[in-house]
Amino acid sequence: MFVLWPIKHWVYSPSAREILKRQAEGHQEHDIRRFVIEKMIQGMQDNDKALKPRQAAFRYSIILLLAEAATLVVALAMSR
């Protein structure tokens, strides 16, 4: 269930409102571009932190599913 539960907030890039605010404040274009790049990198890192536990839980659940299936196959084979 943990794997399928949605994450409330994914970060893709900085807010367009924040970019326009910086432009209105007179920031140079190269500074704004750097700000956007840094925010995108931070967003990827934040998303990675949210995704890693789910990936691990998914892997563990697959192992448990395989063990359950193997147990069922062995039980069926032994009952004959």
C-alpha atoms as a PDB file:
ATOM      1  CA  MET A   1       0.000   0.000   0.000  1.00  0.00           C
ATOM      2  CA  PHE A   2       2.878   2.356   0.810  1.00  0.00           C
ATOM      3  CA  VAL A   3       4.227   1.995  -2.732  1.00  0.00           C
ATOM      4  CA  LEU A   4       0.910   2.989  -4.294  1.00  0.00           C
ATOM      5  CA  TRP A   5       0.050   5.812  -1.893  1.00  0.00           C
ATOM      6  CA  PRO A   6       0.440   9.104  -3.776  1.00  0.00           C
ATOM      7  CA  ILE A   7       3.016  11.650  -2.765  1.00  0.00           C
ATOM      8  CA  LYS A   8       1.376  14.970  -1.955  1.00  0.00           C
ATOM      9  CA  HIS A   9       3.807  17.247  -3.711  1.00  0.00           C
ATOM     10  CA  TRP A  10       6.251  16.620  -6.529  1.00  0.00           C
ATOM     11  CA  VAL A  11       8.759  19.322  -7.347  1.00  0.00           C
ATOM     12  CA  TYR A  12       9.472  19.881 -11.021  1.00  0.00           C
ATOM     13  CA  SER A  13      10.767  23.417 -11.243  1.00  0.00           C
ATOM     14  CA  PRO A  14      10.537  26.744  -9.460  1.00  0.00           C
ATOM     15  CA  SER A  15       7.288  28.619  -9.496  1.00  0.00           C
ATOM     16  CA  ALA A  16       6.671  30.783 -12.544  1.00  0.00           C
ATOM     17  CA  ARG A  17       5.490  33.437 -10.091  1.00  0.00           C
ATOM     18  CA  GLU A  18       8.921  33.385  -8.400  1.00  0.00           C
ATOM     19  CA  ILE A  19      10.700  33.709 -11.755  1.00  0.00           C
ATOM     20  CA  LEU A  20       8.540  36.688 -12.767  1.00  0.00           C
ATOM     21  CA  LYS A  21       9.070  38.264  -9.341  1.00  0.00           C
ATOM     22  CA  ARG A  22      12.831  38.056  -9.789  1.00  0.00           C
ATOM     23  CA  GLN A  23      12.542  39.576 -13.243  1.00  0.00           C
ATOM     24  CA  ALA A  24      10.390  42.420 -11.896  1.00  0.00           C
ATOM     25  CA  GLU A  25      12.974  43.032  -9.163  1.00  0.00           C
ATOM     26  CA  GLY A  26      15.556  43.643 -11.890  1.00  0.00           C
ATOM     27  CA  HIS A  27      17.608  40.464 -11.625  1.00  0.00           C
ATOM     28  CA  GLN A  28      19.787  39.690 -14.624  1.00  0.00           C
ATOM     29  CA  GLU A  29      18.711  36.890 -16.966  1.00  0.00           C
ATOM     30  CA  HIS A  30      21.775  34.765 -16.211  1.00  0.00           C
ATOM     31  CA  ASP A  31      21.025  35.053 -12.467  1.00  0.00           C
ATOM     32  CA  ILE A  32      17.429  33.971 -13.059  1.00  0.00           C
ATOM     33  CA  ARG A  33      18.601  31.044 -15.190  1.00  0.00           C
ATOM     34  CA  ARG A  34      20.995  29.970 -12.451  1.00  0.00           C
ATOM     35  CA  PHE A  35      18.196  30.235  -9.884  1.00  0.00           C
ATOM     36  CA  VAL A  36      15.958  28.038 -12.066  1.00  0.00           C
ATOM     37  CA  ILE A  37      18.704  25.440 -12.549  1.00  0.00           C
ATOM     38  CA  GLU A  38      19.450  25.314  -8.814  1.00  0.00           C
ATOM     39  CA  LYS A  39      15.750  24.903  -8.012  1.00  0.00           C
ATOM     40  CA  MET A  40      15.420  22.111 -10.583  1.00  0.00           C
ATOM     41  CA  ILE A  41      18.402  20.299  -9.062  1.00  0.00           C
ATOM     42  CA  GLN A  42      16.924  20.721  -5.578  1.00  0.00           C
ATOM     43  CA  GLY A  43      13.555  19.454  -6.841  1.00  0.00           C
ATOM     44  CA  MET A  44      15.163  16.332  -8.289  1.00  0.00           C
ATOM     45  CA  GLN A  45      16.921  15.683  -4.984  1.00  0.00           C
ATOM     46  CA  ASP A  46      13.684  16.197  -3.020  1.00  0.00           C
ATOM     47  CA  ASN A  47      11.774  13.886  -5.367  1.00  0.00           C
ATOM     48  CA  ASP A  48      14.526  11.294  -5.059  1.00  0.00           C
ATOM     49  CA  LYS A  49      14.216  11.361  -1.258  1.00  0.00           C
ATOM     50  CA  ALA A  50      10.469  10.765  -1.552  1.00  0.00           C
ATOM     51  CA  LEU A  51      10.871   8.020  -4.149  1.00  0.00           C
ATOM     52  CA  LYS A  52      13.704   5.962  -2.619  1.00  0.00           C
ATOM     53  CA  PRO A  53      11.662   4.458   0.265  1.00  0.00           C
ATOM     54  CA  ARG A  54       8.880   3.532  -2.155  1.00  0.00           C
ATOM     55  CA  GLN A  55      11.331   1.861  -4.518  1.00  0.00           C
ATOM     56  CA  ALA A  56      12.775  -0.156  -1.636  1.00  0.00           C
ATOM     57  CA  ALA A  57       9.304  -1.165  -0.437  1.00  0.00           C
ATOM     58  CA  PHE A  58       8.406  -2.220  -3.975  1.00  0.00           C
ATOM     59  CA  ARG A  59      11.520  -4.397  -4.219  1.00  0.00           C
ATOM     60  CA  TYR A  60      10.834  -6.009  -0.837  1.00  0.00           C
ATOM     61  CA  SER A  61       7.215  -6.688  -1.777  1.00  0.00           C
ATOM     62  CA  ILE A  62       8.352  -8.414  -4.979  1.00  0.00           C
ATOM     63  CA  ILE A  63      10.676 -10.665  -2.960  1.00  0.00           C
ATOM     64  CA  LEU A  64       7.825 -11.518  -0.586  1.00  0.00           C
ATOM     65  CA  LEU A  65       5.483 -12.217  -3.496  1.00  0.00           C
ATOM     66  CA  LEU A  66       8.033 -14.556  -5.087  1.00  0.00           C
ATOM     67  CA  ALA A  67       8.531 -16.352  -1.760  1.00  0.00           C
ATOM     68  CA  GLU A  68       4.775 -16.739  -1.376  1.00  0.00           C
ATOM     69  CA  ALA A  69       4.416 -18.099  -4.914  1.00  0.00           C
ATOM     70  CA  ALA A  70       7.311 -20.526  -4.382  1.00  0.00           C
ATOM     71  CA  THR A  71       5.754 -21.727  -1.119  1.00  0.00           C
ATOM     72  CA  LEU A  72       2.440 -22.296  -2.884  1.00  0.00           C
ATOM     73  CA  VAL A  73       4.087 -24.227  -5.725  1.00  0.00           C
ATOM     74  CA  VAL A  74       6.001 -26.425  -3.254  1.00  0.00           C
ATOM     75  CA  ALA A  75       2.854 -27.028  -1.177  1.00  0.00           C
ATOM     76  CA  LEU A  76       0.872 -27.979  -4.271  1.00  0.00           C
ATOM     77  CA  ALA A  77       3.646 -30.256  -5.513  1.00  0.00           C
ATOM     78  CA  MET A  78       3.910 -32.011  -2.131  1.00  0.00           C
ATOM     79  CA  SER A  79       0.151 -32.541  -1.843  1.00  0.00           C
ATOM     80  CA  ARG A  80       0.073 -34.752  -4.933  1.00  0.00           C
END
